[in-house]
Amino acid sequence: MRKAREEQMDSAGTLELIRHTGVIAIVREPSAQAIVKIAEALYEGGIRAVEVAIGRSFELEMVRQLCKTCPKDMLIGAGTVLDAETARASILAGATFVLSPSLSPQVVSLCNRYSILAVPGVLTPTEAVKAWEIGARAVKIFPAGAVGPGYIRDLRGPLPQIEMIPVGGVNVDNTAEFIRAGACAVGVGGGLVDRAAVASGDWAELTCRATKLLAEVRKARAQK
């Protein structure tokens, strides 16, 4: 399997960049016409990691397109990856990280084989430890909105070695709470990539949202 980009870093480097910026922007059901504009607006606001949710084959083409057009320091990932076949297709399309809503040992194993960051979805301590034991460097706590920041803090208590990225129900109003609770980053979808703004082509609104979200991350880290 080829490397997706010549400049591609390994999974440790990918996680470090995600930690540094603190936000993964989640793009769901974008149009081919809008995807590059979305990425450009988010980049302008400081976002350096974009996840394209994979549900249909043309979204893999969007990953490929972003990898060709985005700056070298913009990470392009695939989300909603449920099986190793989709993970492999995503990596071939250029994805430098792969997120899942559930824990698939096959997906983690395949990503590790090619030094691609796998972030499996977990909720319970048992699932988090299982993900760590099979080689996941970070886990996606999903759905985070259902359990809240306090749950992240409680989970991190006995499991400080596991990096946690809450996803689902995360927005500008609660991002700082999740970061203070111990999250290394957050994944934000509709609270960042607003459907109305995308539909109207209001790219400045996406840039503004990204700027505000990253400011919340920095504020929370300064308070820890």
Protein backbone atom coordinates (compact mmCIF):
# COMPACT_ATOMS: atom_id res chain seq x y z
CA MET A 1 0.00 0.00 0.00
CA ARG A 2 1.34 3.41 -0.95
CA LYS A 3 1.72 6.34 1.40
CA ALA A 4 -1.14 8.75 0.87
CA ARG A 5 1.10 11.83 0.65
CA GLU A 6 4.84 12.17 0.31
CA GLU A 7 4.89 14.41 3.38
CA GLN A 8 2.75 12.05 5.46
CA MET A 9 3.85 11.70 9.06
CA ASP A 10 3.46 8.58 11.19
CA SER A 11 0.60 8.04 13.62
CA ALA A 12 2.51 9.59 16.54
CA GLY A 13 3.15 12.76 14.56
CA THR A 14 -0.47 12.91 13.46
CA LEU A 15 -1.71 12.62 17.04
CA GLU A 16 0.76 15.28 18.15
CA LEU A 17 -0.59 17.76 15.59
CA ILE A 18 -4.18 16.98 16.62
CA ARG A 19 -3.19 17.51 20.26
CA HIS A 20 -1.48 20.78 19.38
CA THR A 21 -4.50 22.36 17.70
CA GLY A 22 -7.06 20.54 19.85
CA VAL A 23 -9.89 20.29 17.30
CA ILE A 24 -10.94 17.86 14.59
CA ALA A 25 -13.54 19.36 12.26
CA ILE A 26 -16.11 16.77 11.16
CA VAL A 27 -17.64 17.26 7.73
CA ARG A 28 -20.74 15.20 6.94
CA GLU A 29 -22.44 14.80 3.56
CA PRO A 30 -20.60 17.66 1.86
CA SER A 31 -21.08 18.46 -1.80
CA ALA A 32 -18.17 18.13 -4.19
CA GLN A 33 -18.52 21.83 -4.94
CA ALA A 34 -18.30 22.85 -1.28
CA ILE A 35 -15.70 20.52 0.20
CA VAL A 36 -12.60 22.52 -0.77
CA LYS A 37 -14.21 25.82 0.28
CA ILE A 38 -15.10 24.29 3.64
CA ALA A 39 -11.52 23.14 4.18
CA GLU A 40 -10.11 26.51 3.13
CA ALA A 41 -12.40 28.38 5.51
CA LEU A 42 -11.53 26.08 8.41
CA TYR A 43 -7.80 26.35 7.67
CA GLU A 44 -8.10 30.14 7.66
CA GLY A 45 -9.60 29.88 11.15
CA GLY A 46 -6.72 27.74 12.42
CA ILE A 47 -8.12 24.22 12.06
CA ARG A 48 -5.48 21.68 11.04
CA ALA A 49 -7.48 18.43 11.06
CA VAL A 50 -10.56 17.69 8.95
CA GLU A 51 -12.48 14.42 9.05
CA VAL A 52 -14.74 13.51 6.14
CA ALA A 53 -17.46 11.10 7.23
CA ILE A 54 -17.42 8.13 4.85
CA GLY A 55 -20.83 6.76 3.95
CA ARG A 56 -20.66 6.56 0.19
CA SER A 57 -17.92 6.05 -2.38
CA PHE A 58 -17.86 9.67 -3.57
CA GLU A 59 -16.79 10.79 -0.09
CA LEU A 60 -13.58 8.83 -0.58
CA GLU A 61 -13.04 10.94 -3.68
CA MET A 62 -13.48 14.02 -1.49
CA VAL A 63 -10.71 12.78 0.81
CA ARG A 64 -8.53 12.32 -2.27
CA GLN A 65 -9.41 15.81 -3.51
CA LEU A 66 -8.60 17.47 -0.19
CA CYS A 67 -5.27 15.66 0.04
CA LYS A 68 -4.34 17.15 -3.34
CA THR A 69 -5.47 20.70 -2.63
CA CYS A 70 -4.93 21.37 1.09
CA PRO A 71 -1.69 22.73 2.59
CA LYS A 72 0.81 20.15 3.81
CA ASP A 73 0.07 20.90 7.46
CA MET A 74 -3.66 20.14 7.11
CA LEU A 75 -4.49 16.60 8.20
CA ILE A 76 -7.24 14.91 6.20
CA GLY A 77 -8.97 11.96 7.85
CA ALA A 78 -11.83 9.56 7.28
CA GLY A 79 -14.66 9.12 9.76
CA THR A 80 -17.49 6.68 10.40
CA VAL A 81 -15.16 3.87 9.32
CA LEU A 82 -16.74 0.58 10.37
CA ASP A 83 -14.51 -2.07 8.80
CA ALA A 84 -11.00 -2.78 7.58
CA GLU A 85 -12.05 -2.61 3.92
CA THR A 86 -13.25 0.98 4.30
CA ALA A 87 -10.16 1.85 6.34
CA ARG A 88 -7.93 0.52 3.56
CA ALA A 89 -9.85 2.44 0.90
CA SER A 90 -9.59 5.60 3.01
CA ILE A 91 -5.85 5.23 3.42
CA LEU A 92 -5.44 4.68 -0.32
CA ALA A 93 -7.46 7.86 -0.87
CA GLY A 94 -4.95 9.72 1.31
CA ALA A 95 -6.42 9.72 4.82
CA THR A 96 -3.81 10.28 7.53
CA PHE A 97 -6.16 9.33 10.37
CA VAL A 98 -9.23 7.11 10.71
CA LEU A 99 -12.04 7.53 13.22
CA SER A 100 -14.76 5.00 14.00
CA PRO A 101 -17.97 5.20 16.06
CA SER A 102 -17.20 1.73 17.45
CA LEU A 103 -14.26 -0.48 18.37
CA SER A 104 -13.04 -2.67 15.51
CA PRO A 105 -9.77 -4.56 16.20
CA GLN A 106 -9.46 -5.14 12.44
CA VAL A 107 -9.54 -1.41 11.69
CA VAL A 108 -6.97 -0.64 14.40
CA SER A 109 -4.69 -3.44 13.21
CA LEU A 110 -4.79 -2.35 9.58
CA CYS A 111 -4.13 1.30 10.42
CA ASN A 112 -1.22 0.39 12.69
CA ARG A 113 0.26 -1.73 9.92
CA TYR A 114 0.60 1.40 7.78
CA SER A 115 1.40 3.89 10.57
CA ILE A 116 -1.98 5.58 10.21
CA LEU A 117 -3.61 6.94 13.36
CA ALA A 118 -6.69 4.89 14.30
CA VAL A 119 -9.14 6.45 16.76
CA PRO A 120 -11.79 3.83 17.61
CA GLY A 121 -15.04 4.81 19.26
CA VAL A 122 -15.54 3.68 22.86
CA LEU A 123 -17.68 4.63 25.81
CA THR A 124 -16.95 2.29 28.72
CA PRO A 125 -13.70 1.73 30.65
CA THR A 126 -13.60 -1.84 29.34
CA GLU A 127 -13.78 -0.65 25.73
CA ALA A 128 -11.16 2.06 26.32
CA VAL A 129 -8.69 -0.43 27.82
CA LYS A 130 -9.37 -2.95 25.05
CA ALA A 131 -8.63 -0.28 22.42
CA TRP A 132 -5.39 0.64 24.18
CA GLU A 133 -4.35 -3.04 24.49
CA ILE A 134 -4.75 -3.61 20.74
CA GLY A 135 -2.64 -0.58 19.88
CA ALA A 136 -4.90 2.48 19.63
CA ARG A 137 -2.97 5.65 20.55
CA ALA A 138 -6.20 7.55 21.22
CA VAL A 139 -9.89 6.79 21.58
CA LYS A 140 -13.02 8.61 20.51
CA ILE A 141 -15.46 8.97 23.40
CA PHE A 142 -18.83 8.72 21.68
CA PRO A 143 -21.48 9.96 22.15
CA ALA A 144 -19.81 12.48 24.44
CA GLY A 145 -22.80 14.78 24.68
CA ALA A 146 -24.79 12.04 26.37
CA VAL A 147 -22.29 11.67 29.22
CA GLY A 148 -20.75 15.14 29.50
CA PRO A 149 -17.29 16.45 30.46
CA GLY A 150 -17.48 14.97 33.95
CA TYR A 151 -17.48 11.49 32.47
CA ILE A 152 -14.21 12.22 30.65
CA ARG A 153 -12.66 13.36 33.94
CA ASP A 154 -13.86 10.22 35.71
CA LEU A 155 -12.63 7.97 32.91
CA ARG A 156 -9.22 9.66 32.78
CA GLY A 157 -8.78 9.14 36.54
CA PRO A 158 -7.81 5.45 36.37
CA LEU A 159 -6.78 5.62 32.69
CA PRO A 160 -4.45 8.65 32.32
CA GLN A 161 -2.35 6.82 29.73
CA ILE A 162 -5.18 6.81 27.18
CA GLU A 163 -5.69 9.94 25.08
CA MET A 164 -9.39 10.76 24.74
CA ILE A 165 -11.21 12.74 22.05
CA PRO A 166 -14.89 13.42 22.84
CA VAL A 167 -17.18 13.51 19.81
CA GLY A 168 -20.95 13.98 19.55
CA GLY A 169 -22.68 16.95 21.12
CA VAL A 170 -19.47 18.99 21.36
CA ASN A 171 -19.73 22.70 20.49
CA VAL A 172 -18.21 26.08 21.28
CA ASP A 173 -20.16 26.28 24.54
CA ASN A 174 -18.79 23.07 26.09
CA THR A 175 -15.42 22.61 24.37
CA ALA A 176 -13.50 24.28 27.18
CA GLU A 177 -15.17 22.00 29.74
CA PHE A 178 -14.13 18.89 27.81
CA ILE A 179 -10.54 20.12 27.50
CA ARG A 180 -10.35 20.97 31.21
CA ALA A 181 -11.74 17.50 31.96
CA GLY A 182 -8.70 15.94 30.26
CA ALA A 183 -9.59 15.57 26.59
CA CYS A 184 -6.54 15.95 24.34
CA ALA A 185 -8.78 17.31 21.58
CA VAL A 186 -12.43 17.46 20.57
CA GLY A 187 -14.28 16.43 17.43
CA VAL A 188 -16.90 18.96 16.33
CA GLY A 189 -19.38 18.57 13.49
CA GLY A 190 -22.48 20.74 13.16
CA GLY A 191 -21.32 23.13 15.85
CA LEU A 192 -18.44 24.09 13.56
CA VAL A 193 -19.36 23.13 9.99
CA ASP A 194 -22.78 24.78 10.08
CA ARG A 195 -25.09 23.42 7.37
CA ALA A 196 -26.84 26.77 6.82
CA ALA A 197 -23.52 28.57 6.38
CA VAL A 198 -22.35 25.93 3.91
CA ALA A 199 -25.62 26.07 1.97
CA SER A 200 -25.40 29.85 1.65
CA GLY A 201 -21.67 29.87 0.92
CA ASP A 202 -20.94 31.91 4.04
CA TRP A 203 -17.34 30.72 4.37
CA ALA A 204 -16.46 33.63 6.66
CA GLU A 205 -18.91 32.19 9.21
CA LEU A 206 -17.02 28.88 9.24
CA THR A 207 -13.74 30.73 9.71
CA CYS A 208 -15.26 32.71 12.59
CA ARG A 209 -16.58 29.55 14.24
CA ALA A 210 -13.18 27.86 13.92
CA THR A 211 -11.42 30.86 15.46
CA LYS A 212 -13.82 30.92 18.42
CA LEU A 213 -13.53 27.18 18.99
CA LEU A 214 -9.74 27.23 19.02
CA ALA A 215 -9.82 30.20 21.40
CA GLU A 216 -11.89 28.07 23.79
CA VAL A 217 -9.29 25.30 23.60
CA ARG A 218 -6.46 27.72 24.38
CA LYS A 219 -8.41 29.30 27.25
CA ALA A 220 -9.16 25.92 28.80
CA ARG A 221 -5.54 24.79 28.57
CA ALA A 222 -4.36 27.99 30.21
CA GLN A 223 -6.73 27.31 33.11
CA LYS A 224 -5.59 23.71 33.73
